[in-house]
Amino acid sequence: MIYSDAPQSVLNFLSYKGTIQGRSVKTVSEYYLDLRYFFRFVLKSKYQDKYEKISVEDIDFSDCTDEDVTEVTYKDIYNFLFYLQQEKGNGESARARKLCAIKNLYKFLKNTYEISENPADKLEAPRKKKKLPKYLTLEEAQTLLASITPPNYERDYAIITLFLNCGLRVSEMAGISLKDIDPDMTKLKVTGKGSKERIIYLNDACRIALKAYLGIRPNDIKSKDSGALFISRNRNRLSVKTIQWLVYKRLKEAGLEGREMSVHKLRHTAATLMYQHGHTDVRVLKDILGHEDLSTTQIYTHLSDAQMQKAADNNPLSGLKPQKPVKKIDTDEA
């Protein structure tokens, strides 16, 4: 059984996340790994004599009991976060992710009446440094598309066009099947996080690129991947890793591999271009990107230097110039 080394209370939580809340296999696996690490630390701290010569990473998770889980205190969690920062060098994001797993577990246990108090309830997540998303400018996006050459020209051009126009996640791109494309090629169905489906509307650039690719798409596909849209040279569905590789390759060929560019940055680029140049409402952008929370989308509402300069220039006081000061008259002299 998967995750069979976890205590029953943790297994119940993972099952709830996967079956009831519909979290993806990857998300549930990340919860498991973070919780396993936490409870190994708890065991090391709680039974110091037993684990004196064993590192946290080498402790057997199956040693953890439901009693160990329910006896965790606020101090245990705080000490774990301190350990991650001081001993393991984990940054804000890594610590916040692990705390999120712990908080979710104990919220579940309280809701199922396995504990009366949530030990993680009052712990605040480490503050993350807010960074604006990196993205390609309009000119750089045009350069990337223009630089694509054979082999695999039509396929790679269609993939990058969809990234730049639709803001897809790489997992969504890899999961597209032929049946997901509307017959008149105006809409595309994608499956996002948590197996949630949404409809993407295709513009002319996407339709033209897809038609060109479908015209040369190989037909001798292996049966299990016969319905896949994007096909590899081995006649399989393109994997996430392969799509990442081909995008890195195309960015390098275009001279755009610097500035920490990645596949996900093409999603940032699409959102930024739609907001800055297409004047797309942020609430519409939220639905296009498949975000659950509007606050997630609002990172794309950063303004370009030109827009900020224009805003400053449009200030009604921007045209005022300093006047020669009027000499004050001394009333005693008058």
Protein backbone atom coordinates (compact mmCIF):
# COMPACT_ATOMS: atom_id res chain seq x y z
CA MET A 1 0.00 0.00 0.00
CA ILE A 2 1.31 3.45 -0.88
CA TYR A 3 2.49 5.51 2.14
CA SER A 4 2.09 2.35 4.25
CA ASP A 5 4.84 3.46 6.65
CA ALA A 6 2.72 6.41 7.84
CA PRO A 7 0.55 6.15 10.98
CA GLN A 8 -3.18 5.71 10.38
CA SER A 9 -4.04 9.32 11.28
CA VAL A 10 -1.66 10.61 8.60
CA LEU A 11 -2.94 8.01 6.11
CA ASN A 12 -6.49 9.19 6.72
CA PHE A 13 -5.42 12.77 6.06
CA LEU A 14 -3.63 11.87 2.81
CA SER A 15 -6.65 9.86 1.66
CA TYR A 16 -8.92 12.83 2.43
CA LYS A 17 -6.72 15.16 0.40
CA GLY A 18 -6.67 12.82 -2.58
CA THR A 19 -10.20 11.44 -2.67
CA ILE A 20 -12.41 14.06 -1.04
CA GLN A 21 -10.59 17.26 -1.95
CA GLY A 22 -9.35 15.91 -5.29
CA ARG A 23 -5.72 16.93 -4.85
CA SER A 24 -3.33 15.55 -7.46
CA VAL A 25 -1.07 12.55 -6.82
CA LYS A 26 1.91 14.91 -6.85
CA THR A 27 0.37 17.24 -4.24
CA VAL A 28 -0.53 14.33 -1.93
CA SER A 29 2.99 12.95 -2.32
CA GLU A 30 4.46 16.33 -1.33
CA TYR A 31 2.25 16.40 1.77
CA TYR A 32 3.49 12.92 2.65
CA LEU A 33 7.18 13.80 2.24
CA ASP A 34 6.89 17.01 4.29
CA LEU A 35 4.99 15.26 7.09
CA ARG A 36 7.38 12.33 7.10
CA TYR A 37 10.29 14.75 7.56
CA PHE A 38 8.47 16.56 10.37
CA PHE A 39 7.62 13.41 12.33
CA ARG A 40 11.14 12.03 11.93
CA PHE A 41 12.29 15.25 13.60
CA VAL A 42 9.65 14.81 16.31
CA LEU A 43 10.84 11.25 17.01
CA LYS A 44 14.46 12.37 17.15
CA SER A 45 13.57 15.07 19.69
CA LYS A 46 11.16 12.95 21.73
CA TYR A 47 13.26 9.79 22.00
CA GLN A 48 16.78 11.20 22.15
CA ASP A 49 18.42 8.08 23.60
CA LYS A 50 16.91 5.78 20.97
CA TYR A 51 17.89 7.95 18.01
CA GLU A 52 21.06 9.50 19.39
CA LYS A 53 23.28 8.06 16.65
CA ILE A 54 20.69 8.20 13.86
CA SER A 55 20.17 11.27 11.66
CA VAL A 56 16.70 12.71 11.19
CA GLU A 57 16.66 11.59 7.56
CA ASP A 58 17.42 7.96 8.47
CA ILE A 59 14.70 7.48 11.08
CA ASP A 60 12.06 4.97 10.04
CA PHE A 61 8.70 6.73 9.61
CA SER A 62 6.90 3.53 10.61
CA ASP A 63 8.23 4.10 14.15
CA CYS A 64 5.80 7.02 14.43
CA THR A 65 2.51 6.15 16.13
CA ASP A 66 -0.86 7.90 16.17
CA GLU A 67 -0.08 8.85 19.75
CA ASP A 68 3.12 10.60 18.60
CA VAL A 69 1.03 12.52 16.07
CA THR A 70 -1.64 13.66 18.50
CA GLU A 71 0.84 14.60 21.24
CA VAL A 72 2.67 17.16 19.07
CA THR A 73 2.84 20.62 20.64
CA TYR A 74 3.25 24.16 19.37
CA LYS A 75 6.85 24.01 20.61
CA ASP A 76 7.59 20.89 18.53
CA ILE A 77 6.48 22.65 15.36
CA TYR A 78 8.35 25.84 16.23
CA ASN A 79 11.54 23.87 16.95
CA PHE A 80 11.16 22.07 13.61
CA LEU A 81 10.93 25.35 11.71
CA PHE A 82 13.96 26.67 13.62
CA TYR A 83 15.86 23.47 12.75
CA LEU A 84 14.98 23.85 9.07
CA GLN A 85 16.28 27.41 9.03
CA GLN A 86 19.39 27.03 11.18
CA GLU A 87 20.52 23.48 10.41
CA LYS A 88 19.21 22.85 6.92
CA GLY A 89 19.28 26.36 5.47
CA ASN A 90 15.69 26.19 4.23
CA GLY A 91 14.42 29.51 2.91
CA GLU A 92 11.05 31.11 3.56
CA SER A 93 9.25 29.24 0.79
CA ALA A 94 10.49 25.79 1.83
CA ARG A 95 9.62 26.37 5.50
CA ALA A 96 6.22 27.83 4.60
CA ARG A 97 5.39 24.77 2.46
CA LYS A 98 6.25 22.33 5.27
CA LEU A 99 4.28 24.38 7.79
CA CYS A 100 1.32 24.36 5.38
CA ALA A 101 1.37 20.53 5.38
CA ILE A 102 1.49 20.46 9.19
CA LYS A 103 -1.32 23.01 9.52
CA ASN A 104 -3.50 21.09 7.09
CA LEU A 105 -2.94 17.82 8.95
CA TYR A 106 -3.89 19.21 12.35
CA LYS A 107 -6.84 21.11 10.97
CA PHE A 108 -8.09 17.78 9.59
CA LEU A 109 -7.46 15.99 12.89
CA LYS A 110 -9.36 18.63 14.83
CA ASN A 111 -12.27 18.52 12.37
CA THR A 112 -12.43 14.73 12.81
CA TYR A 113 -12.31 15.09 16.61
CA GLU A 114 -9.00 13.24 16.99
CA ILE A 115 -7.55 16.25 18.82
CA SER A 116 -9.23 19.02 20.81
CA GLU A 117 -6.69 21.76 20.08
CA ASN A 118 -4.74 22.47 16.92
CA PRO A 119 -1.06 22.96 17.92
CA ALA A 120 -0.30 24.73 14.62
CA ASP A 121 -3.26 27.08 14.75
CA LYS A 122 -1.43 30.17 15.99
CA LEU A 123 1.81 29.67 14.08
CA GLU A 124 2.34 32.19 11.30
CA ALA A 125 3.96 31.12 8.07
CA PRO A 126 7.43 32.55 7.38
CA ARG A 127 7.09 35.74 5.40
CA LYS A 128 8.13 35.29 1.80
CA LYS A 129 9.98 38.01 -0.02
CA LYS A 130 7.61 39.32 -2.64
CA LYS A 131 9.16 39.09 -6.07
CA LEU A 132 7.68 40.26 -9.31
CA PRO A 133 7.38 37.43 -11.82
CA LYS A 134 10.05 37.27 -14.52
CA TYR A 135 8.73 37.42 -18.05
CA LEU A 136 9.65 38.15 -21.65
CA THR A 137 8.86 41.54 -23.09
CA LEU A 138 6.61 41.74 -26.15
CA GLU A 139 9.68 42.14 -28.36
CA GLU A 140 11.45 39.18 -26.75
CA ALA A 141 8.35 36.99 -27.15
CA GLN A 142 8.25 37.90 -30.84
CA THR A 143 11.97 37.12 -31.15
CA LEU A 144 11.44 33.69 -29.55
CA LEU A 145 8.73 32.75 -32.02
CA ALA A 146 10.65 34.10 -34.99
CA SER A 147 13.79 32.14 -34.06
CA ILE A 148 12.17 28.68 -34.16
CA THR A 149 13.59 26.54 -36.96
CA PRO A 150 13.39 22.88 -38.08
CA PRO A 151 13.46 20.13 -36.98
CA ASN A 152 10.08 19.90 -35.24
CA TYR A 153 9.28 23.45 -36.34
CA GLU A 154 5.47 23.14 -36.50
CA ARG A 155 5.20 21.24 -33.21
CA ASP A 156 7.52 23.51 -31.20
CA TYR A 157 6.03 26.65 -32.73
CA ALA A 158 2.51 25.49 -31.73
CA ILE A 159 3.63 24.67 -28.17
CA ILE A 160 5.35 28.00 -27.59
CA THR A 161 2.47 29.87 -29.23
CA LEU A 162 0.03 28.23 -26.81
CA PHE A 163 2.27 29.04 -23.86
CA LEU A 164 2.58 32.69 -24.86
CA ASN A 165 -1.08 33.20 -25.77
CA CYS A 166 -2.91 31.01 -23.26
CA GLY A 167 -0.72 31.00 -20.16
CA LEU A 168 -0.83 27.22 -19.74
CA ARG A 169 1.08 25.30 -17.10
CA VAL A 170 3.57 22.79 -18.50
CA SER A 171 1.57 19.87 -17.03
CA GLU A 172 -1.54 21.21 -18.78
CA MET A 173 0.33 21.41 -22.09
CA ALA A 174 1.58 17.84 -21.76
CA GLY A 175 -1.93 16.60 -20.95
CA ILE A 176 -3.73 18.01 -24.00
CA SER A 177 -5.41 15.40 -26.19
CA LEU A 178 -6.95 15.77 -29.65
CA LYS A 179 -10.44 15.40 -28.16
CA ASP A 180 -9.82 18.48 -25.99
CA ILE A 181 -9.78 20.76 -29.04
CA ASP A 182 -13.17 22.08 -30.18
CA PRO A 183 -14.06 20.98 -33.77
CA ASP A 184 -13.97 24.58 -35.04
CA MET A 185 -10.72 25.12 -33.10
CA THR A 186 -12.04 28.06 -31.08
CA LYS A 187 -11.79 26.44 -27.67
CA LEU A 188 -9.43 24.13 -25.81
CA LYS A 189 -10.18 22.13 -22.65
CA VAL A 190 -7.28 21.76 -20.21
CA THR A 191 -6.99 19.95 -16.90
CA GLY A 192 -5.25 22.00 -14.24
CA LYS A 193 -4.34 21.58 -10.58
CA GLY A 194 -6.59 19.29 -8.59
CA SER A 195 -7.89 17.76 -11.85
CA LYS A 196 -9.99 20.88 -12.40
CA GLU A 197 -11.01 21.45 -16.00
CA ARG A 198 -11.31 24.85 -17.64
CA ILE A 199 -11.92 26.18 -21.13
CA ILE A 200 -9.30 28.23 -22.96
CA TYR A 201 -10.41 30.35 -25.93
CA LEU A 202 -8.02 30.23 -28.87
CA ASN A 203 -7.05 33.28 -30.90
CA ASP A 204 -5.99 33.35 -34.57
CA ALA A 205 -2.31 32.76 -33.76
CA CYS A 206 -3.17 29.59 -31.84
CA ARG A 207 -5.55 28.30 -34.50
CA ILE A 208 -3.07 28.85 -37.32
CA ALA A 209 -0.22 27.21 -35.36
CA LEU A 210 -2.35 24.21 -34.39
CA LYS A 211 -3.63 23.68 -37.93
CA ALA A 212 -0.09 23.74 -39.25
CA TYR A 213 1.05 21.20 -36.69
CA LEU A 214 -1.96 18.89 -37.13
CA GLY A 215 -1.18 18.85 -40.84
CA ILE A 216 2.16 17.12 -40.19
CA ARG A 217 1.39 15.31 -36.92
CA PRO A 218 2.44 11.64 -37.24
CA ASN A 219 -0.33 9.06 -37.39
CA ASP A 220 1.59 5.91 -36.43
CA ILE A 221 1.20 6.57 -32.73
CA LYS A 222 1.56 3.93 -30.02
CA SER A 223 -1.90 2.89 -28.90
CA LYS A 224 -1.75 4.28 -25.36
CA ASP A 225 -0.85 7.74 -26.68
CA SER A 226 -2.86 7.73 -29.89
CA GLY A 227 -5.07 10.56 -28.67
CA ALA A 228 -2.25 12.82 -27.49
CA LEU A 229 -1.88 16.18 -29.23
CA PHE A 230 1.87 16.67 -29.01
CA ILE A 231 3.95 13.67 -30.05
CA SER A 232 7.65 12.88 -29.59
CA ARG A 233 9.97 11.40 -32.21
CA ASN A 234 9.43 8.02 -30.48
CA ARG A 235 5.70 8.32 -31.20
CA ASN A 236 4.74 8.92 -27.55
CA ARG A 237 2.92 11.76 -25.82
CA LEU A 238 5.41 14.52 -25.03
CA SER A 239 6.28 14.42 -21.34
CA VAL A 240 6.58 17.41 -19.03
CA LYS A 241 10.36 17.01 -18.95
CA THR A 242 10.60 16.88 -22.74
CA ILE A 243 8.51 20.03 -23.11
CA GLN A 244 10.71 21.77 -20.54
CA TRP A 245 13.80 20.69 -22.44
CA LEU A 246 12.55 21.86 -25.83
CA VAL A 247 11.53 25.26 -24.42
CA TYR A 248 14.98 25.73 -22.82
CA LYS A 249 16.49 24.77 -26.18
CA ARG A 250 14.37 27.29 -28.09
CA LEU A 251 15.09 30.04 -25.54
CA LYS A 252 18.81 29.41 -25.93
CA GLU A 253 18.58 29.49 -29.72
CA ALA A 254 16.82 32.85 -29.45
CA GLY A 255 19.51 34.20 -27.11
CA LEU A 256 17.00 34.41 -24.24
CA GLU A 257 18.28 31.68 -21.93
CA GLY A 258 19.52 34.18 -19.31
CA ARG A 259 17.58 36.02 -16.62
CA GLU A 260 16.42 32.74 -15.06
CA MET A 261 14.03 32.09 -17.92
CA SER A 262 12.06 28.85 -17.77
CA VAL A 263 8.91 27.20 -19.10
CA HIS A 264 6.86 28.69 -16.27
CA LYS A 265 8.15 32.16 -17.20
CA LEU A 266 6.27 31.78 -20.51
CA ARG A 267 3.08 31.51 -18.43
CA HIS A 268 4.14 34.70 -16.64
CA THR A 269 4.79 36.28 -20.03
CA ALA A 270 1.32 35.43 -21.35
CA ALA A 271 -0.36 36.86 -18.26
CA THR A 272 1.76 40.01 -18.31
CA LEU A 273 1.18 40.68 -22.01
CA MET A 274 -2.57 40.13 -21.64
CA TYR A 275 -2.68 42.54 -18.72
CA GLN A 276 -0.31 45.23 -19.97
CA HIS A 277 -0.99 45.20 -23.70
CA GLY A 278 -4.41 43.56 -23.91
CA HIS A 279 -5.80 45.46 -20.92
CA THR A 280 -7.39 42.24 -19.68
CA ASP A 281 -9.33 42.62 -16.43
CA VAL A 282 -7.56 40.85 -13.58
CA ARG A 283 -10.71 38.83 -12.80
CA VAL A 284 -10.82 37.53 -16.36
CA LEU A 285 -7.10 36.79 -16.16
CA LYS A 286 -7.78 34.74 -13.01
CA ASP A 287 -10.14 32.46 -14.94
CA ILE A 288 -7.80 32.18 -17.92
CA LEU A 289 -4.91 31.08 -15.70
CA GLY A 290 -7.04 28.76 -13.58
CA HIS A 291 -6.26 30.44 -10.26
CA GLU A 292 -8.50 29.75 -7.27
CA ASP A 293 -7.64 33.00 -5.51
CA LEU A 294 -7.62 36.47 -7.06
CA SER A 295 -4.61 37.41 -4.91
CA THR A 296 -2.54 34.86 -6.83
CA THR A 297 -3.40 36.57 -10.11
CA GLN A 298 -2.62 40.03 -8.79
CA ILE A 299 1.13 39.42 -9.00
CA TYR A 300 0.68 39.96 -12.73
CA THR A 301 -0.72 43.44 -12.29
CA HIS A 302 2.73 44.96 -11.92
CA LEU A 303 3.20 47.93 -14.22
CA SER A 304 5.85 48.49 -16.83
CA ASP A 305 8.32 51.36 -16.50
CA ALA A 306 6.55 53.15 -19.34
CA GLN A 307 3.18 52.88 -17.61
CA MET A 308 4.61 54.16 -14.33
CA GLN A 309 6.27 57.07 -16.14
CA LYS A 310 2.98 57.88 -17.90
CA ALA A 311 1.15 57.82 -14.55
CA ALA A 312 3.67 60.26 -13.10
CA ASP A 313 3.42 62.54 -16.14
CA ASN A 314 -0.39 62.56 -15.90
CA ASN A 315 -0.37 63.86 -12.36
CA PRO A 316 -2.17 67.26 -12.53
CA LEU A 317 0.70 68.82 -10.60
CA SER A 318 3.37 67.51 -12.97
CA GLY A 319 3.50 70.77 -14.99
CA LEU A 320 4.08 73.11 -12.10
CA LYS A 321 7.45 74.86 -11.94
CA PRO A 322 9.08 76.56 -8.99
CA GLN A 323 8.29 80.28 -8.74
CA LYS A 324 10.63 82.97 -7.51
CA PRO A 325 9.76 83.33 -3.79
CA VAL A 326 8.00 86.56 -2.81
CA LYS A 327 9.97 88.58 -0.29
CA LYS A 328 8.18 88.67 3.02
CA ILE A 329 7.47 92.23 4.27
CA ASP A 330 8.42 92.89 7.85
CA THR A 331 5.40 94.56 9.45
CA ASP A 332 7.61 96.37 11.87
CA GLU A 333 9.43 98.08 8.98
CA ALA A 334 6.24 99.03 7.15
